[in-house]
Amino acid sequence: MLAVQGLKKVYPSPGQPLCVLNNVEFELRSGDRVAILGPSGSGKSTLLNIIGGLDQPTEGRVVVDGQVVSEMPERELSRYRNRTVGFVFQDHHLLPQCTVLENVLVPCLASGSPQQDDVNWALALLDRVGLKDRVWHRPGELSGGERQRVAIARALIRRPALILADEPTGNLDRSTGEQVAQLLVELHQEQNNILIVVTHSEHLAGVIGKQCRLENGQLRWENV
């Protein structure tokens, strides 16, 4: 279970400090998914980064399966980011010199060389996202939609309990973006994880289903 409790994030700035998150609270369980809407600069990515252990809150805490993320020692936090969380970003962040298969296996390198089970799972994921014939290609040989599918497979390679997607279709045309969003939902349903997607796209939010809006530091649920 994911519990966000009294989350506040304040950035120092000339004059008045900038508060982008103000007492944000919600809970999600395995199988839940939500799209968080809001304009640029509203704090959506900041919220995602705090949940994913990439940033620290000013106040409040994020609790995942009974563990407080902000209180984890660095080694435990690294393990959390590698095993519990799968990240999908607007920019796929694929390694250009590596093959599609090697890119998917990158998270496995944290615990040494990938094992055969890891390779088998990576191949199964690439088959599932429609790229079984692109395993030995490099990112430069793929379309934008294909590169994002590789990024989704990479996010799922450790079978994470939590998928965090930050504008995952932001660089794609509407048709390709809708296909990628639908794929995210299908894989989420198959693996029964928690899926959180932040976006400014009302259309993408509609594909995800449950929605909330982040404005003026406050989170407002819209279609619960």
Protein backbone atom coordinates (compact mmCIF):
# COMPACT_ATOMS: atom_id res chain seq x y z
CA MET A 1 0.00 0.00 0.00
CA LEU A 2 1.08 3.57 -0.74
CA ALA A 3 0.17 6.29 1.77
CA VAL A 4 1.02 9.95 1.16
CA GLN A 5 0.59 11.80 4.45
CA GLY A 6 0.60 15.57 4.97
CA LEU A 7 3.07 16.13 2.15
CA LYS A 8 4.48 19.64 1.80
CA LYS A 9 7.24 20.86 -0.50
CA VAL A 10 8.58 24.41 -0.35
CA TYR A 11 11.31 25.78 -2.59
CA PRO A 12 13.30 28.84 -1.50
CA SER A 13 12.96 31.78 -3.87
CA PRO A 14 13.65 35.52 -3.77
CA GLY A 15 11.01 37.09 -1.56
CA GLN A 16 8.21 34.61 -0.87
CA PRO A 17 9.12 30.87 -0.69
CA LEU A 18 7.35 28.78 -3.34
CA CYS A 19 5.04 26.12 -1.94
CA VAL A 20 4.23 23.58 -4.67
CA LEU A 21 2.71 20.89 -2.42
CA ASN A 22 0.60 21.77 0.59
CA ASN A 23 -0.77 19.01 2.83
CA VAL A 24 -1.24 16.48 0.02
CA GLU A 25 -2.74 13.22 1.26
CA PHE A 26 -4.02 10.04 -0.40
CA GLU A 27 -3.78 6.26 -0.28
CA LEU A 28 -3.54 3.71 -3.08
CA ARG A 29 -3.52 -0.09 -2.97
CA SER A 30 -2.36 -2.78 -5.38
CA GLY A 31 -4.50 -2.64 -8.51
CA ASP A 32 -5.25 1.09 -8.15
CA ARG A 33 -4.35 3.56 -10.87
CA VAL A 34 -4.73 7.33 -11.10
CA ALA A 35 -3.86 10.20 -13.42
CA ILE A 36 -2.73 13.43 -11.76
CA LEU A 37 -3.57 16.46 -13.90
CA GLY A 38 -2.30 19.99 -13.60
CA PRO A 39 -0.57 22.78 -15.51
CA SER A 40 3.19 22.99 -15.92
CA GLY A 41 4.87 24.02 -12.68
CA SER A 42 1.98 22.85 -10.51
CA GLY A 43 4.12 20.30 -8.63
CA LYS A 44 3.09 17.09 -10.40
CA SER A 45 6.62 15.94 -11.14
CA THR A 46 7.77 17.00 -7.68
CA LEU A 47 5.09 14.80 -6.12
CA LEU A 48 6.12 11.86 -8.31
CA ASN A 49 9.80 12.37 -7.47
CA ILE A 50 9.09 12.39 -3.73
CA ILE A 51 7.04 9.19 -3.99
CA GLY A 52 9.83 7.61 -6.04
CA GLY A 53 12.55 8.57 -3.58
CA LEU A 54 14.23 11.02 -5.96
CA ASP A 55 13.40 14.08 -3.81
CA GLN A 56 12.68 14.83 -0.16
CA PRO A 57 9.55 16.51 1.23
CA THR A 58 9.74 19.64 3.37
CA GLU A 59 7.11 18.13 5.64
CA GLY A 60 5.03 14.94 5.71
CA ARG A 61 5.97 11.49 4.54
CA VAL A 62 5.44 8.75 1.97
CA VAL A 63 4.84 5.27 3.37
CA VAL A 64 5.13 2.21 1.11
CA ASP A 65 4.25 -1.15 2.64
CA GLY A 66 4.90 0.24 6.11
CA GLN A 67 8.27 1.85 5.29
CA VAL A 68 8.79 5.62 5.36
CA VAL A 69 10.66 6.48 2.16
CA SER A 70 12.28 9.69 3.45
CA GLU A 71 13.71 7.85 6.47
CA MET A 72 15.40 5.07 4.51
CA PRO A 73 19.22 4.87 4.64
CA GLU A 74 20.83 5.54 1.26
CA ARG A 75 21.47 1.86 0.48
CA GLU A 76 17.88 0.92 1.31
CA LEU A 77 16.61 3.91 -0.68
CA SER A 78 18.60 2.78 -3.72
CA ARG A 79 17.11 -0.69 -3.38
CA TYR A 80 13.62 0.84 -3.12
CA ARG A 81 14.13 2.84 -6.33
CA ASN A 82 15.52 -0.20 -8.12
CA ARG A 83 13.10 -2.90 -6.98
CA THR A 84 9.88 -1.34 -5.68
CA VAL A 85 9.49 1.51 -8.18
CA GLY A 86 9.46 1.47 -11.97
CA PHE A 87 9.92 4.85 -13.63
CA VAL A 88 8.66 5.91 -17.07
CA PHE A 89 9.66 9.44 -18.11
CA GLN A 90 8.67 11.73 -20.97
CA ASP A 91 12.18 11.28 -22.37
CA HIS A 92 12.84 7.54 -22.51
CA HIS A 93 16.47 7.86 -21.25
CA LEU A 94 17.58 4.80 -23.22
CA LEU A 95 21.30 4.16 -23.64
CA PRO A 96 22.01 4.75 -27.35
CA GLN A 97 24.97 2.38 -27.54
CA CYS A 98 23.01 -0.55 -26.06
CA THR A 99 20.53 -2.87 -27.74
CA VAL A 100 16.85 -2.91 -26.84
CA LEU A 101 17.35 -6.03 -24.72
CA GLU A 102 20.35 -4.54 -22.92
CA ASN A 103 18.38 -1.37 -22.14
CA VAL A 104 15.55 -3.35 -20.61
CA LEU A 105 18.04 -5.24 -18.43
CA VAL A 106 19.81 -2.12 -17.10
CA PRO A 107 17.98 -2.14 -13.71
CA CYS A 108 19.23 -5.70 -13.12
CA LEU A 109 22.84 -4.52 -13.20
CA ALA A 110 22.44 -3.07 -9.68
CA SER A 111 22.69 -6.60 -8.30
CA GLY A 112 25.40 -7.82 -10.69
CA SER A 113 25.11 -9.45 -14.08
CA PRO A 114 21.56 -10.27 -15.24
CA GLN A 115 20.58 -13.88 -14.65
CA GLN A 116 18.93 -16.10 -17.25
CA ASP A 117 15.57 -15.58 -15.52
CA ASP A 118 16.03 -11.82 -16.00
CA VAL A 119 16.79 -12.30 -19.69
CA ASN A 120 13.78 -14.56 -20.14
CA TRP A 121 11.51 -12.03 -18.42
CA ALA A 122 12.94 -9.18 -20.51
CA LEU A 123 12.24 -11.12 -23.70
CA ALA A 124 8.70 -11.87 -22.50
CA LEU A 125 8.12 -8.18 -21.77
CA LEU A 126 9.45 -7.13 -25.16
CA ASP A 127 7.14 -9.65 -26.78
CA ARG A 128 4.25 -8.25 -24.73
CA VAL A 129 4.94 -4.66 -25.80
CA GLY A 130 5.20 -5.73 -29.46
CA LEU A 131 8.97 -5.52 -29.89
CA LYS A 132 10.08 -9.15 -30.07
CA ASP A 133 11.57 -8.48 -33.52
CA ARG A 134 13.50 -5.42 -32.29
CA VAL A 135 15.51 -7.07 -29.50
CA TRP A 136 18.90 -6.51 -31.14
CA HIS A 137 18.17 -3.04 -32.52
CA ARG A 138 19.49 0.14 -30.91
CA PRO A 139 17.30 3.09 -29.84
CA GLY A 140 18.33 5.16 -32.86
CA GLU A 141 16.71 2.56 -35.11
CA LEU A 142 13.33 2.81 -33.37
CA SER A 143 10.39 5.20 -33.66
CA GLY A 144 9.41 7.42 -30.74
CA GLY A 145 6.56 5.11 -29.79
CA GLU A 146 8.81 2.06 -29.93
CA ARG A 147 11.41 3.73 -27.71
CA GLN A 148 8.74 4.49 -25.14
CA ARG A 149 7.61 0.86 -25.24
CA VAL A 150 11.19 -0.16 -24.44
CA ALA A 151 11.12 2.27 -21.51
CA ILE A 152 7.91 0.65 -20.23
CA ALA A 153 9.45 -2.82 -20.45
CA ARG A 154 12.51 -1.54 -18.57
CA ALA A 155 10.27 -0.10 -15.85
CA LEU A 156 8.64 -3.50 -15.37
CA ILE A 157 11.76 -5.70 -15.43
CA ARG A 158 12.01 -5.89 -11.61
CA ARG A 159 8.28 -6.57 -11.24
CA PRO A 160 7.81 -3.37 -9.19
CA ALA A 161 4.85 -2.74 -6.93
CA LEU A 162 4.67 0.89 -8.04
CA ILE A 163 4.84 2.38 -11.55
CA LEU A 164 5.43 6.15 -11.77
CA ALA A 165 4.96 7.67 -15.22
CA ASP A 166 5.82 11.34 -15.77
CA GLU A 167 4.23 12.66 -18.99
CA PRO A 168 4.87 9.29 -20.69
CA THR A 169 3.20 10.38 -23.93
CA GLY A 170 4.36 13.99 -23.93
CA ASN A 171 6.72 13.54 -26.91
CA LEU A 172 4.34 11.38 -28.95
CA ASP A 173 1.57 12.17 -31.40
CA ARG A 174 -1.97 11.58 -30.15
CA SER A 175 -2.49 8.20 -31.83
CA THR A 176 0.84 6.77 -30.68
CA GLY A 177 0.36 8.32 -27.23
CA GLU A 178 -3.01 6.64 -26.85
CA GLN A 179 -1.51 3.26 -27.77
CA VAL A 180 1.28 3.70 -25.20
CA ALA A 181 -1.21 4.80 -22.52
CA GLN A 182 -3.45 1.81 -23.21
CA LEU A 183 -0.43 -0.48 -23.01
CA LEU A 184 0.48 0.99 -19.61
CA VAL A 185 -3.03 0.29 -18.34
CA GLU A 186 -3.09 -3.27 -19.69
CA LEU A 187 0.27 -4.15 -18.14
CA HIS A 188 -0.79 -2.54 -14.86
CA GLN A 189 -3.92 -4.70 -14.82
CA GLU A 190 -1.94 -7.84 -15.64
CA GLN A 191 0.61 -7.23 -12.87
CA ASN A 192 -1.75 -5.70 -10.29
CA ASN A 193 0.65 -2.94 -9.33
CA ILE A 194 -0.07 0.70 -8.43
CA LEU A 195 0.06 3.03 -11.44
CA ILE A 196 0.41 6.81 -11.08
CA VAL A 197 0.58 8.91 -14.24
CA VAL A 198 1.15 12.66 -14.15
CA THR A 199 0.08 14.58 -17.23
CA HIS A 200 -1.35 17.83 -18.52
CA SER A 201 -3.35 15.86 -21.12
CA GLU A 202 -7.05 15.42 -20.40
CA HIS A 203 -7.16 12.73 -23.09
CA LEU A 204 -4.42 10.65 -21.47
CA ALA A 205 -6.08 11.05 -18.08
CA GLY A 206 -9.30 9.70 -19.58
CA VAL A 207 -7.47 6.58 -20.77
CA ILE A 208 -6.06 5.99 -17.28
CA GLY A 209 -9.45 6.34 -15.57
CA LYS A 210 -9.47 7.75 -12.02
CA GLN A 211 -8.31 11.35 -12.00
CA CYS A 212 -7.26 14.09 -9.61
CA ARG A 213 -6.01 17.62 -10.18
CA LEU A 214 -3.08 19.38 -8.53
CA GLU A 215 -3.51 23.15 -8.34
CA ASN A 216 -2.12 25.70 -5.89
CA GLY A 217 -0.45 22.89 -3.97
CA GLN A 218 -3.72 21.08 -3.31
CA LEU A 219 -4.87 17.74 -4.68
CA ARG A 220 -8.54 17.54 -5.69
CA TRP A 221 -10.12 14.24 -6.73
CA GLU A 222 -12.46 14.56 -9.70
CA ASN A 223 -14.13 11.24 -10.55
CA VAL A 224 -13.74 8.94 -7.57
